[in-house]
Amino acid sequence: MQKNPSLLPKYNKLITTLDKRPLVCTSIIKDNEKDYFESLVKAMEGGSDLGELRIDFFNKINHEDLFRIMSKSQLPLIVTNRNKENGGSFAADEELRLSLLRSSIESKPAFIDIELSTNEKDRSDIITTARENSVGVICSYHDFTNTPNHKEIISIYRKVCEAGADLAKLVFTPHTNKDVQNILEATDSLRYESTPFTLFGMGKKGQITRMVCPLLGASLVYCSLINNTQNGLYQLSLANTKSFMLRIEKQGWKSIKEKRKNLMTLAMIKLDDDGSYPLKSIDKVMA
């Protein structure tokens, strides 16, 4: 049985939703405050549960900017500041990267994202500060090259949990159907663990895992405002994601998760040409 993160009372709706279904987070990649808020409003209107604030993509941002942005946001935020080594765009030194992340904690977002690869002492300090402010901790691990076997994925999950995650984020790069199968098998195993998680694959081959893993037990789904293939992540659109989630909700999340053998066969299904979920194929498998 998974436990929910301890969040501030103003985020009670997230906890209530998480008891029923996976949360949807819209990742917003903008380089200035004006464009960011325009996209954030669209994400909120589109039914996203969370928005991701990617500090590393802003052209210029300081502590005061962060406080203003987060104070104005009406959508709960996940704050991320990825360095280039972890697939982000933050090019300044590590001290400033972590300083901005600490500043964001003071503004009480729903979650902050800290990488497992961060220096252990710095990572521990960030997590302690988050806990003191009742901010949820997403500890993340990204492999931009490969996908290990499902036992290794589970081992990485345990390391992330030991680091202090309230929610573990594991992302891999699948190249073959076997890679996809390893992601699905690990997800199926991890749904019985106490710490909630999100697990999926990047790239075109990984697209289907963004759909199937939430059916198997992942607690968080990342998407973008539009079907995004330009950055190599192949994130699906918020509209398609919400449409899919509503369809599953009608059948009942619990009843869907019980059909694990059927869900495993979805690894072979491809998304439609427009990047939307193959709903007819899913309905056939779930019948």
Protein backbone atom coordinates (compact mmCIF):
# COMPACT_ATOMS: atom_id res chain seq x y z
CA MET A 1 0.00 0.00 0.00
CA GLN A 2 1.47 3.33 -1.04
CA LYS A 3 1.56 6.23 1.38
CA ASN A 4 0.78 9.78 0.31
CA PRO A 5 3.33 12.59 0.77
CA SER A 6 2.82 14.98 3.70
CA LEU A 7 1.94 18.27 2.00
CA LEU A 8 0.66 21.62 3.21
CA PRO A 9 -3.12 21.82 3.84
CA LYS A 10 -3.57 24.02 0.75
CA TYR A 11 -2.57 20.98 -1.33
CA ASN A 12 -5.14 18.63 0.21
CA LYS A 13 -6.87 18.36 -3.16
CA LEU A 14 -3.75 16.73 -4.60
CA ILE A 15 -3.79 14.10 -1.86
CA THR A 16 -7.49 13.46 -2.38
CA THR A 17 -6.93 13.06 -6.13
CA LEU A 18 -3.93 10.79 -5.60
CA ASP A 19 -6.16 8.45 -3.59
CA LYS A 20 -8.32 8.05 -6.71
CA ARG A 21 -6.02 8.29 -9.71
CA PRO A 22 -2.54 9.40 -10.87
CA LEU A 23 -1.80 13.12 -10.82
CA VAL A 24 -1.22 14.97 -14.11
CA CYS A 25 1.65 17.46 -14.31
CA THR A 26 2.12 19.75 -17.31
CA SER A 27 5.79 20.49 -17.88
CA ILE A 28 6.15 24.07 -19.12
CA ILE A 29 9.33 25.05 -20.94
CA LYS A 30 9.49 28.84 -21.29
CA ASP A 31 12.35 31.31 -20.94
CA ASN A 32 10.46 34.26 -19.44
CA GLU A 33 7.79 34.96 -16.84
CA LYS A 34 5.12 36.31 -19.22
CA ASP A 35 5.13 33.29 -21.52
CA TYR A 36 5.36 30.93 -18.57
CA PHE A 37 2.20 32.31 -16.97
CA GLU A 38 0.29 32.25 -20.26
CA SER A 39 1.09 28.54 -20.55
CA LEU A 40 0.38 27.92 -16.87
CA VAL A 41 -3.12 29.37 -17.25
CA LYS A 42 -3.72 27.08 -20.25
CA ALA A 43 -2.56 24.09 -18.21
CA MET A 44 -4.92 24.99 -15.37
CA GLU A 45 -7.83 25.51 -17.76
CA GLY A 46 -6.99 22.17 -19.41
CA GLY A 47 -7.42 20.34 -16.12
CA SER A 48 -3.80 19.75 -15.09
CA ASP A 49 -3.32 18.93 -11.41
CA LEU A 50 0.18 20.41 -11.33
CA GLY A 51 2.49 22.58 -13.37
CA GLU A 52 6.25 22.13 -13.57
CA LEU A 53 8.40 25.22 -13.12
CA ARG A 54 11.69 24.61 -14.93
CA ILE A 55 14.02 27.22 -13.50
CA ASP A 56 16.81 26.05 -15.79
CA PHE A 57 15.02 27.19 -18.96
CA PHE A 58 14.57 30.81 -17.89
CA ASN A 59 16.91 33.29 -19.59
CA LYS A 60 17.34 35.16 -16.33
CA ILE A 61 15.85 34.43 -12.93
CA ASN A 62 16.75 35.37 -9.36
CA HIS A 63 15.38 34.71 -5.88
CA GLU A 64 12.90 37.62 -6.07
CA ASP A 65 11.62 36.42 -9.47
CA LEU A 66 11.03 32.96 -8.03
CA PHE A 67 9.06 34.30 -5.08
CA ARG A 68 6.88 36.43 -7.37
CA ILE A 69 6.20 33.63 -9.86
CA MET A 70 5.28 31.12 -7.19
CA SER A 71 3.14 33.58 -5.25
CA LYS A 72 1.11 34.35 -8.38
CA SER A 73 0.62 30.74 -9.46
CA GLN A 74 -2.87 29.36 -8.92
CA LEU A 75 -1.75 25.87 -9.93
CA PRO A 76 0.32 23.74 -7.53
CA LEU A 77 3.90 23.55 -8.77
CA ILE A 78 6.75 21.08 -9.04
CA VAL A 79 9.96 23.11 -9.05
CA THR A 80 12.90 21.70 -11.01
CA ASN A 81 16.34 23.13 -11.75
CA ARG A 82 18.12 20.59 -13.93
CA ASN A 83 21.80 20.91 -14.80
CA LYS A 84 23.12 19.86 -18.21
CA GLU A 85 24.46 16.57 -16.86
CA ASN A 86 20.87 15.57 -16.05
CA GLY A 87 19.32 16.73 -19.30
CA GLY A 88 18.54 20.30 -18.23
CA SER A 89 19.74 23.72 -19.31
CA PHE A 90 21.19 25.26 -16.14
CA ALA A 91 24.72 26.28 -17.09
CA ALA A 92 25.85 28.22 -14.01
CA ASP A 93 27.65 26.68 -11.06
CA GLU A 94 26.13 24.06 -8.76
CA GLU A 95 26.05 26.41 -5.77
CA LEU A 96 23.71 28.82 -7.56
CA ARG A 97 21.57 25.99 -8.94
CA LEU A 98 20.93 24.65 -5.46
CA SER A 99 20.54 28.12 -3.97
CA LEU A 100 17.65 28.84 -6.36
CA LEU A 101 16.08 25.51 -5.48
CA ARG A 102 16.33 26.34 -1.77
CA SER A 103 14.71 29.74 -2.40
CA SER A 104 11.80 28.07 -4.15
CA ILE A 105 11.16 25.93 -1.05
CA GLU A 106 10.57 29.08 1.00
CA SER A 107 7.66 29.92 -1.33
CA LYS A 108 5.98 26.58 -0.50
CA PRO A 109 5.48 24.75 -3.82
CA ALA A 110 3.78 21.35 -3.74
CA PHE A 111 7.04 19.56 -4.63
CA ILE A 112 10.68 20.20 -5.41
CA ASP A 113 12.64 17.84 -7.67
CA ILE A 114 16.18 16.94 -6.62
CA GLU A 115 18.32 14.50 -8.58
CA LEU A 116 19.76 11.36 -6.99
CA SER A 117 23.09 12.26 -8.63
CA THR A 118 23.32 15.50 -6.62
CA ASN A 119 26.15 15.56 -4.09
CA GLU A 120 24.88 13.57 -1.10
CA LYS A 121 25.37 16.35 1.47
CA ASP A 122 23.75 18.99 -0.75
CA ARG A 123 20.89 16.64 -1.58
CA SER A 124 20.33 15.86 2.08
CA ASP A 125 20.32 19.58 2.97
CA ILE A 126 17.73 20.32 0.26
CA ILE A 127 15.51 17.45 1.42
CA THR A 128 15.77 18.52 5.07
CA THR A 129 14.80 22.09 4.16
CA ALA A 130 11.85 20.79 2.16
CA ARG A 131 10.66 18.66 5.06
CA GLU A 132 10.91 21.59 7.47
CA ASN A 133 8.61 23.54 5.14
CA SER A 134 6.17 20.66 4.42
CA VAL A 135 7.20 20.66 0.76
CA GLY A 136 7.05 17.30 -0.99
CA VAL A 137 10.30 15.81 -2.32
CA ILE A 138 10.58 14.19 -5.73
CA CYS A 139 13.95 12.48 -5.97
CA SER A 140 14.69 11.74 -9.62
CA TYR A 141 16.90 9.42 -11.64
CA HIS A 142 17.36 9.73 -15.41
CA ASP A 143 19.18 7.41 -17.81
CA PHE A 144 19.43 9.13 -21.21
CA THR A 145 21.12 6.16 -22.87
CA ASN A 146 19.61 2.83 -21.84
CA THR A 147 17.00 0.88 -19.90
CA PRO A 148 18.27 -1.67 -17.35
CA ASN A 149 16.42 -4.90 -16.59
CA HIS A 150 13.43 -4.70 -14.28
CA LYS A 151 15.37 -5.93 -11.23
CA GLU A 152 17.93 -3.15 -11.67
CA ILE A 153 15.10 -0.60 -12.02
CA ILE A 154 13.69 -1.79 -8.70
CA SER A 155 17.16 -1.47 -7.14
CA ILE A 156 17.42 2.13 -8.36
CA TYR A 157 13.96 2.82 -6.93
CA ARG A 158 15.16 1.65 -3.52
CA LYS A 159 18.20 3.96 -3.67
CA VAL A 160 15.94 6.89 -4.52
CA CYS A 161 13.66 6.04 -1.59
CA GLU A 162 16.62 5.72 0.77
CA ALA A 163 17.72 9.20 -0.29
CA GLY A 164 14.48 10.55 1.20
CA ALA A 165 11.95 10.72 -1.64
CA ASP A 166 8.27 11.31 -0.96
CA LEU A 167 7.77 10.39 -4.61
CA ALA A 168 10.37 8.57 -6.70
CA LYS A 169 10.86 9.56 -10.34
CA LEU A 170 12.63 7.03 -12.59
CA VAL A 171 13.10 7.74 -16.29
CA PHE A 172 14.88 5.56 -18.85
CA THR A 173 15.55 5.39 -22.60
CA PRO A 174 14.05 2.27 -24.20
CA HIS A 175 15.20 1.09 -27.63
CA THR A 176 13.48 -2.30 -27.91
CA ASN A 177 10.21 -3.98 -26.94
CA LYS A 178 12.18 -5.80 -24.24
CA ASP A 179 13.19 -2.44 -22.76
CA VAL A 180 9.55 -1.38 -22.69
CA GLN A 181 8.63 -4.70 -21.08
CA ASN A 182 11.25 -4.15 -18.37
CA ILE A 183 9.73 -0.76 -17.54
CA LEU A 184 6.23 -2.25 -17.35
CA GLU A 185 7.34 -5.23 -15.23
CA ALA A 186 9.14 -2.94 -12.79
CA THR A 187 6.08 -0.69 -12.57
CA ASP A 188 3.85 -3.66 -11.88
CA SER A 189 6.15 -4.76 -9.04
CA LEU A 190 6.58 -1.30 -7.53
CA ARG A 191 2.87 -0.61 -7.12
CA TYR A 192 3.05 -2.68 -3.92
CA GLU A 193 5.79 -0.50 -2.41
CA SER A 194 5.09 2.19 0.20
CA THR A 195 6.65 5.18 -1.60
CA PRO A 196 4.65 6.43 -4.61
CA PHE A 197 6.52 6.75 -7.88
CA THR A 198 6.45 7.74 -11.50
CA LEU A 199 8.26 5.55 -14.02
CA PHE A 200 8.36 5.84 -17.81
CA GLY A 201 10.55 5.86 -20.90
CA MET A 202 11.75 8.79 -22.98
CA GLY A 203 11.82 9.04 -26.76
CA LYS A 204 9.41 7.66 -29.33
CA LYS A 205 9.80 4.08 -28.10
CA GLY A 206 8.96 5.22 -24.60
CA GLN A 207 5.74 7.03 -25.48
CA ILE A 208 3.53 4.05 -24.78
CA THR A 209 4.97 3.73 -21.26
CA ARG A 210 3.68 7.21 -20.44
CA MET A 211 0.22 5.73 -20.93
CA VAL A 212 0.56 2.20 -19.58
CA CYS A 213 2.64 2.82 -16.43
CA PRO A 214 -0.11 4.90 -14.75
CA LEU A 215 -2.49 1.99 -15.39
CA LEU A 216 -0.09 -0.34 -13.60
CA GLY A 217 0.46 1.86 -10.55
CA ALA A 218 2.55 4.96 -11.34
CA SER A 219 1.28 7.97 -9.39
CA LEU A 220 2.29 10.88 -11.62
CA VAL A 221 1.99 11.56 -15.36
CA TYR A 222 4.06 14.24 -17.11
CA CYS A 223 2.72 15.85 -20.28
CA SER A 224 3.03 19.10 -22.25
CA LEU A 225 0.49 21.52 -23.68
CA ILE A 226 1.03 20.02 -27.14
CA ASN A 227 2.37 16.69 -28.39
CA ASN A 228 6.08 17.37 -28.03
CA THR A 229 8.64 15.49 -30.13
CA GLN A 230 11.15 18.30 -30.63
CA ASN A 231 13.06 17.80 -27.38
CA GLY A 232 13.35 14.04 -27.78
CA LEU A 233 11.13 13.33 -24.78
CA TYR A 234 8.00 12.65 -26.84
CA GLN A 235 5.69 14.01 -24.16
CA LEU A 236 2.01 13.71 -24.99
CA SER A 237 -0.39 16.63 -24.88
CA LEU A 238 -2.43 17.57 -21.85
CA ALA A 239 -5.64 17.29 -23.90
CA ASN A 240 -4.87 13.74 -25.03
CA THR A 241 -3.72 12.76 -21.55
CA LYS A 242 -6.87 14.08 -19.87
CA SER A 243 -9.09 12.44 -22.50
CA PHE A 244 -7.38 9.12 -21.84
CA MET A 245 -7.61 9.51 -18.05
CA LEU A 246 -11.33 10.31 -18.21
CA ARG A 247 -11.90 7.23 -20.34
CA ILE A 248 -10.08 5.04 -17.83
CA GLU A 249 -11.93 6.68 -14.94
CA LYS A 250 -15.25 5.58 -16.43
CA GLN A 251 -14.07 1.96 -16.30
CA GLY A 252 -12.63 2.40 -12.81
CA TRP A 253 -8.95 2.65 -11.98
CA LYS A 254 -9.02 -0.30 -9.61
CA SER A 255 -10.64 -2.64 -12.11
CA ILE A 256 -8.14 -1.57 -14.79
CA LYS A 257 -5.10 -2.26 -12.58
CA GLU A 258 -6.42 -5.75 -11.84
CA LYS A 259 -6.12 -6.62 -15.54
CA ARG A 260 -2.32 -6.66 -15.39
CA LYS A 261 -1.86 -9.45 -17.96
CA ASN A 262 -3.89 -7.49 -20.48
CA LEU A 263 -1.99 -4.31 -19.67
CA MET A 264 1.33 -5.97 -20.40
CA THR A 265 0.26 -6.63 -23.99
CA LEU A 266 -0.13 -2.87 -24.50
CA ALA A 267 3.65 -2.67 -24.79
CA MET A 268 3.20 -3.64 -28.44
CA ILE A 269 0.64 -0.94 -29.24
CA LYS A 270 1.76 2.21 -31.01
CA LEU A 271 0.26 5.66 -30.59
CA ASP A 272 -1.88 7.07 -33.38
CA ASP A 273 -0.19 9.14 -36.09
CA ASP A 274 -1.32 12.41 -34.50
CA GLY A 275 0.33 11.44 -31.22
CA SER A 276 -2.90 10.61 -29.41
CA TYR A 277 -3.63 7.49 -27.40
CA PRO A 278 -4.89 4.46 -29.39
CA LEU A 279 -8.16 4.37 -27.47
CA LYS A 280 -9.87 1.75 -29.62
CA SER A 281 -6.97 -0.66 -29.15
CA ILE A 282 -7.03 0.00 -25.43
CA ASP A 283 -10.76 -0.59 -25.20
CA LYS A 284 -10.31 -3.93 -26.97
CA VAL A 285 -7.60 -5.06 -24.56
CA MET A 286 -9.54 -3.86 -21.52
CA ALA A 287 -12.85 -5.42 -22.53
